[in-house]
Amino acid sequence: MKFLLMLALLAVVFFMLGARRGRPSEPEARKPPPPAPPQAMLRCAECGMHLPADEALPGKGGVFCGAAHRASFEARQGRA
């Protein structure tokens, strides 16, 4: 009977140690990345569409949403 009691006690101790050691803490790689900071929105000088600053194309007279709008705006400004 003592043998069974000791065996049960050891099993409980190993279970408690294993449960504590086996539970992994949340690693840094699993945490989601922080959200990107907000960007300034700029308005296309040709069509008026708003777009993020990192996607805007600079040109004479402002920023543009694409190369075609930049070219047409600069051509129209050159004629005037």
C-alpha atoms as a PDB file:
ATOM      1  CA  MET A   1       0.000   0.000   0.000  1.00  0.00           C
ATOM      2  CA  LYS A   2       2.878   2.358   0.802  1.00  0.00           C
ATOM      3  CA  PHE A   3       4.348   1.593  -2.594  1.00  0.00           C
ATOM      4  CA  LEU A   4       1.149   2.660  -4.389  1.00  0.00           C
ATOM      5  CA  LEU A   5       0.916   5.832  -2.297  1.00  0.00           C
ATOM      6  CA  MET A   6       4.531   6.764  -3.097  1.00  0.00           C
ATOM      7  CA  LEU A   7       3.984   5.966  -6.778  1.00  0.00           C
ATOM      8  CA  ALA A   8       0.850   8.168  -6.864  1.00  0.00           C
ATOM      9  CA  LEU A   9       2.697  10.984  -5.069  1.00  0.00           C
ATOM     10  CA  LEU A  10       5.598  10.812  -7.556  1.00  0.00           C
ATOM     11  CA  ALA A  11       3.164  10.780 -10.468  1.00  0.00           C
ATOM     12  CA  VAL A  12       1.474  13.931  -9.141  1.00  0.00           C
ATOM     13  CA  VAL A  13       4.835  15.663  -8.637  1.00  0.00           C
ATOM     14  CA  PHE A  14       6.024  14.785 -12.162  1.00  0.00           C
ATOM     15  CA  PHE A  15       2.660  15.852 -13.599  1.00  0.00           C
ATOM     16  CA  MET A  16       2.876  19.235 -11.873  1.00  0.00           C
ATOM     17  CA  LEU A  17       6.478  19.809 -12.997  1.00  0.00           C
ATOM     18  CA  GLY A  18       5.711  18.706 -16.532  1.00  0.00           C
ATOM     19  CA  ALA A  19       2.633  20.900 -16.768  1.00  0.00           C
ATOM     20  CA  ARG A  20       4.589  23.961 -15.640  1.00  0.00           C
ATOM     21  CA  ARG A  21       7.570  23.280 -17.898  1.00  0.00           C
ATOM     22  CA  GLY A  22       5.550  22.099 -20.906  1.00  0.00           C
ATOM     23  CA  ARG A  23       3.408  25.229 -21.234  1.00  0.00           C
ATOM     24  CA  PRO A  24       5.347  27.468 -23.616  1.00  0.00           C
ATOM     25  CA  SER A  25       5.187  31.177 -23.102  1.00  0.00           C
ATOM     26  CA  GLU A  26       4.147  33.185 -26.120  1.00  0.00           C
ATOM     27  CA  PRO A  27       7.294  33.746 -28.197  1.00  0.00           C
ATOM     28  CA  GLU A  28       8.050  37.122 -29.720  1.00  0.00           C
ATOM     29  CA  ALA A  29       7.703  35.716 -33.242  1.00  0.00           C
ATOM     30  CA  ARG A  30       4.039  34.835 -32.667  1.00  0.00           C
ATOM     31  CA  LYS A  31       3.022  38.307 -31.534  1.00  0.00           C
ATOM     32  CA  PRO A  32       1.422  40.330 -34.323  1.00  0.00           C
ATOM     33  CA  PRO A  33       3.480  43.243 -35.579  1.00  0.00           C
ATOM     34  CA  PRO A  34       2.427  46.667 -34.340  1.00  0.00           C
ATOM     35  CA  PRO A  35       0.146  48.549 -36.721  1.00  0.00           C
ATOM     36  CA  ALA A  36       1.784  50.888 -39.179  1.00  0.00           C
ATOM     37  CA  PRO A  37       1.642  54.561 -38.212  1.00  0.00           C
ATOM     38  CA  PRO A  38      -0.865  56.656 -40.162  1.00  0.00           C
ATOM     39  CA  GLN A  39       0.415  58.263 -43.330  1.00  0.00           C
ATOM     40  CA  ALA A  40      -0.283  61.694 -44.708  1.00  0.00           C
ATOM     41  CA  MET A  41      -2.786  61.669 -47.561  1.00  0.00           C
ATOM     42  CA  LEU A  42      -1.989  63.864 -50.555  1.00  0.00           C
ATOM     43  CA  ARG A  43      -4.262  65.040 -53.340  1.00  0.00           C
ATOM     44  CA  CYS A  44      -3.443  64.477 -57.003  1.00  0.00           C
ATOM     45  CA  ALA A  45      -3.075  67.850 -58.736  1.00  0.00           C
ATOM     46  CA  GLU A  46      -4.739  66.464 -61.894  1.00  0.00           C
ATOM     47  CA  CYS A  47      -7.760  64.427 -60.764  1.00  0.00           C
ATOM     48  CA  GLY A  48      -8.083  65.255 -57.058  1.00  0.00           C
ATOM     49  CA  MET A  49      -7.858  61.671 -55.834  1.00  0.00           C
ATOM     50  CA  HIS A  50      -6.328  61.280 -52.365  1.00  0.00           C
ATOM     51  CA  LEU A  51      -3.482  58.800 -51.999  1.00  0.00           C
ATOM     52  CA  PRO A  52      -0.852  57.919 -49.361  1.00  0.00           C
ATOM     53  CA  ALA A  53       2.282  60.054 -49.430  1.00  0.00           C
ATOM     54  CA  ASP A  54       4.562  57.090 -50.172  1.00  0.00           C
ATOM     55  CA  GLU A  55       2.604  56.297 -53.383  1.00  0.00           C
ATOM     56  CA  ALA A  56       2.469  59.867 -54.717  1.00  0.00           C
ATOM     57  CA  LEU A  57       4.652  60.909 -57.661  1.00  0.00           C
ATOM     58  CA  PRO A  58       6.178  64.374 -57.323  1.00  0.00           C
ATOM     59  CA  GLY A  59       6.115  66.688 -60.298  1.00  0.00           C
ATOM     60  CA  LYS A  60       5.989  70.331 -61.347  1.00  0.00           C
ATOM     61  CA  GLY A  61       2.978  71.862 -59.705  1.00  0.00           C
ATOM     62  CA  GLY A  62       2.228  69.212 -57.087  1.00  0.00           C
ATOM     63  CA  VAL A  63       1.988  65.497 -56.581  1.00  0.00           C
ATOM     64  CA  PHE A  64       0.216  63.016 -58.816  1.00  0.00           C
ATOM     65  CA  CYS A  65      -1.411  59.599 -58.605  1.00  0.00           C
ATOM     66  CA  GLY A  66       0.311  58.303 -61.731  1.00  0.00           C
ATOM     67  CA  ALA A  67       2.773  59.114 -64.478  1.00  0.00           C
ATOM     68  CA  ALA A  68      -0.007  59.790 -67.020  1.00  0.00           C
ATOM     69  CA  HIS A  69      -1.608  62.435 -64.814  1.00  0.00           C
ATOM     70  CA  ARG A  70       1.765  64.026 -64.152  1.00  0.00           C
ATOM     71  CA  ALA A  71       2.521  64.161 -67.892  1.00  0.00           C
ATOM     72  CA  SER A  72      -0.884  65.584 -68.845  1.00  0.00           C
ATOM     73  CA  PHE A  73      -0.745  68.233 -66.088  1.00  0.00           C
ATOM     74  CA  GLU A  74       2.773  69.314 -67.054  1.00  0.00           C
ATOM     75  CA  ALA A  75       1.853  69.387 -70.773  1.00  0.00           C
ATOM     76  CA  ARG A  76      -1.195  71.531 -70.044  1.00  0.00           C
ATOM     77  CA  GLN A  77       0.878  73.879 -67.847  1.00  0.00           C
ATOM     78  CA  GLY A  78       3.525  74.163 -70.569  1.00  0.00           C
ATOM     79  CA  ARG A  79       0.926  75.305 -73.143  1.00  0.00           C
ATOM     80  CA  ALA A  80      -0.593  77.942 -70.907  1.00  0.00           C
END
